[in-house]
Amino acid sequence: MSLAESRVGALFRHNARGRLVEVNQRDGGIAPRFFLMRTGESAIVRFRQDVPDDLAARLTELCAAERLSDPPSERPAHECEYLHALARTERVWAGPAFTFPDDLPVFTAAIAAIDEQSAGLLGDGFGDWVADVPRRQPFAAVIEEGRAVSICGRLYT
């Protein structure tokens, strides 16, 4: 499984058909009807569980024709067709999940295991994650200046 596929698995809960059920967070959340992630190697597409199969097939064909060489900051080549096919789109989110500068600095921060005793390290930036700590073990954080600046925990099961 690619890193991008793992990211999609971390973002959403899927049903047995690989369809999106909900956002993978403590209180759930409505999954998007259509999700497209473009990488340099592939276009990863997912559909919410209530999207008709014929619509999913039509959109999958368009996704297969995406130009993978386009920079992630550029809109998908078939964006207009996606929006037209989906018709009732309330919200669109687009943009790179992350990018790296050409010259990466040396990593000097500490990494700490987070459990109920060390959850205070989540501080102001990740305070809303404290309730998730027991259910997300193993749970780790990058610590700078005595507080978490990045976190990672097990998916809900």
Protein backbone atom coordinates (compact mmCIF):
# COMPACT_ATOMS: atom_id res chain seq x y z
CA MET A 1 0.00 0.00 0.00
CA SER A 2 1.35 3.41 -0.95
CA LEU A 3 1.77 6.29 1.48
CA ALA A 4 -1.06 8.12 -0.33
CA GLU A 5 -3.38 5.11 0.00
CA SER A 6 -2.51 4.94 3.71
CA ARG A 7 -3.40 8.62 4.05
CA VAL A 8 -6.83 8.04 2.49
CA GLY A 9 -7.31 5.15 4.91
CA ALA A 10 -6.43 7.45 7.80
CA LEU A 11 -8.75 10.25 6.64
CA PHE A 12 -11.92 8.19 6.21
CA ARG A 13 -13.70 5.08 7.42
CA HIS A 14 -14.54 2.78 4.50
CA ASN A 15 -17.16 0.04 4.10
CA ALA A 16 -16.44 -3.44 2.70
CA ARG A 17 -16.81 -2.09 -0.88
CA GLY A 18 -14.14 0.56 -0.26
CA ARG A 19 -16.75 3.34 -0.21
CA LEU A 20 -16.45 6.26 2.22
CA VAL A 21 -18.67 5.96 5.28
CA GLU A 22 -17.54 8.93 7.38
CA VAL A 23 -14.60 11.10 8.32
CA ASN A 24 -12.22 9.26 10.64
CA GLN A 25 -12.43 11.37 13.77
CA ARG A 26 -13.91 10.92 17.22
CA ASP A 27 -17.31 12.41 16.37
CA GLY A 28 -17.34 11.07 12.81
CA GLY A 29 -18.42 13.54 10.20
CA ILE A 30 -19.98 13.41 6.78
CA ALA A 31 -17.62 11.97 4.18
CA PRO A 32 -17.37 13.74 0.84
CA ARG A 33 -19.40 12.31 -2.05
CA PHE A 34 -16.25 12.33 -4.18
CA PHE A 35 -12.60 12.35 -3.11
CA LEU A 36 -9.68 12.70 -5.55
CA MET A 37 -6.02 12.69 -4.54
CA ARG A 38 -3.43 13.10 -7.28
CA THR A 39 0.14 11.99 -6.73
CA GLY A 40 3.02 11.76 -9.18
CA GLU A 41 2.20 8.07 -9.65
CA SER A 42 -1.59 7.80 -9.56
CA ALA A 43 -4.97 9.38 -9.10
CA ILE A 44 -6.69 7.92 -6.05
CA VAL A 45 -10.46 8.22 -6.13
CA ARG A 46 -13.09 7.32 -3.54
CA PHE A 47 -16.85 7.75 -3.38
CA ARG A 48 -19.25 7.97 -0.47
CA GLN A 49 -21.35 4.86 0.04
CA ASP A 50 -24.52 6.51 -1.36
CA VAL A 51 -23.06 7.55 -4.75
CA PRO A 52 -24.71 5.49 -7.53
CA ASP A 53 -22.40 2.98 -9.22
CA ASP A 54 -22.95 4.45 -12.71
CA LEU A 55 -21.89 7.92 -11.51
CA ALA A 56 -18.86 6.46 -9.71
CA ALA A 57 -17.86 4.61 -12.90
CA ARG A 58 -18.16 7.79 -15.02
CA LEU A 59 -16.07 9.81 -12.56
CA THR A 60 -13.50 7.00 -12.24
CA GLU A 61 -12.97 7.13 -16.02
CA LEU A 62 -12.30 10.87 -15.83
CA CYS A 63 -9.91 10.39 -12.91
CA ALA A 64 -7.92 7.82 -14.89
CA ALA A 65 -7.29 10.53 -17.50
CA GLU A 66 -5.88 13.07 -15.00
CA ARG A 67 -2.44 14.45 -15.87
CA LEU A 68 -0.20 13.19 -13.09
CA SER A 69 2.63 15.46 -14.17
CA ASP A 70 0.66 18.59 -13.22
CA PRO A 71 1.85 20.29 -10.01
CA PRO A 72 -0.37 19.50 -7.00
CA SER A 73 -1.26 23.18 -6.71
CA GLU A 74 -3.06 23.07 -10.09
CA ARG A 75 -6.74 22.20 -10.21
CA PRO A 76 -7.63 18.78 -11.67
CA ALA A 77 -7.84 18.75 -15.46
CA HIS A 78 -11.44 17.50 -15.34
CA GLU A 79 -12.69 19.64 -12.45
CA CYS A 80 -15.60 21.11 -14.41
CA GLU A 81 -16.75 17.66 -15.50
CA TYR A 82 -16.57 16.38 -11.90
CA LEU A 83 -18.65 19.29 -10.63
CA HIS A 84 -21.18 18.95 -13.45
CA ALA A 85 -21.57 15.20 -12.87
CA LEU A 86 -22.00 15.68 -9.13
CA ALA A 87 -24.57 18.46 -9.76
CA ARG A 88 -25.45 19.28 -6.14
CA THR A 89 -22.04 20.12 -4.74
CA GLU A 90 -22.26 22.21 -1.57
CA ARG A 91 -18.53 22.58 -0.87
CA VAL A 92 -15.24 21.98 -2.62
CA TRP A 93 -11.90 21.72 -0.84
CA ALA A 94 -8.75 21.67 -2.92
CA GLY A 95 -5.05 22.09 -2.38
CA PRO A 96 -1.94 20.13 -1.65
CA ALA A 97 -1.98 18.03 1.49
CA PHE A 98 1.67 18.93 1.94
CA THR A 99 4.70 19.98 -0.02
CA PHE A 100 8.38 19.91 0.81
CA PRO A 101 10.93 22.64 0.17
CA ASP A 102 13.94 21.71 -1.95
CA ASP A 103 16.25 22.22 1.03
CA LEU A 104 14.87 20.41 4.09
CA PRO A 105 16.29 21.48 7.48
CA VAL A 106 17.81 18.90 9.81
CA PHE A 107 15.20 17.44 12.17
CA THR A 108 16.20 18.08 15.79
CA ALA A 109 12.91 17.79 17.72
CA ALA A 110 12.19 15.03 20.22
CA ILE A 111 9.54 12.39 19.66
CA ALA A 112 7.50 11.30 22.68
CA ALA A 113 5.01 8.53 23.29
CA ILE A 114 1.72 10.06 24.40
CA ASP A 115 -0.40 8.32 27.01
CA GLU A 116 -2.81 9.57 29.64
CA GLN A 117 0.08 10.71 31.86
CA SER A 118 1.84 12.68 29.10
CA ALA A 119 -1.30 14.00 27.35
CA GLY A 120 -0.53 17.46 28.78
CA LEU A 121 2.14 17.79 26.07
CA LEU A 122 -0.69 18.16 23.55
CA GLY A 123 -1.15 21.65 24.98
CA ASP A 124 -3.05 24.40 23.24
CA GLY A 125 -2.55 23.19 19.68
CA PHE A 126 -3.90 19.66 20.13
CA GLY A 127 -5.98 19.93 23.31
CA ASP A 128 -9.07 18.55 21.57
CA TRP A 129 -7.16 15.27 21.00
CA VAL A 130 -6.69 14.55 24.73
CA ALA A 131 -9.95 12.55 24.88
CA ASP A 132 -8.71 10.40 21.98
CA VAL A 133 -5.40 9.42 23.60
CA PRO A 134 -6.62 6.16 25.24
CA ARG A 135 -8.31 4.95 22.03
CA ARG A 136 -5.49 5.91 19.64
CA GLN A 137 -2.62 3.90 21.18
CA PRO A 138 0.09 3.86 20.09
CA PHE A 139 0.10 7.66 20.01
CA ALA A 140 3.20 9.80 19.46
CA ALA A 141 4.06 13.47 19.13
CA VAL A 142 6.92 15.60 17.92
CA ILE A 143 7.84 17.87 20.84
CA GLU A 144 9.37 21.33 20.48
CA GLU A 145 9.75 23.76 23.36
CA GLY A 146 7.81 21.48 25.70
CA ARG A 147 4.69 21.00 23.58
CA ALA A 148 3.44 18.86 20.71
CA VAL A 149 3.78 20.36 17.25
CA SER A 150 2.80 17.24 15.29
CA ILE A 151 0.90 14.11 16.33
CA CYS A 152 0.23 10.61 15.07
CA GLY A 153 -2.04 7.96 16.53
CA ARG A 154 -3.64 4.62 15.65
CA LEU A 155 -6.84 4.70 13.60
CA TYR A 156 -10.12 4.03 15.33
CA THR A 157 -11.28 0.47 14.89
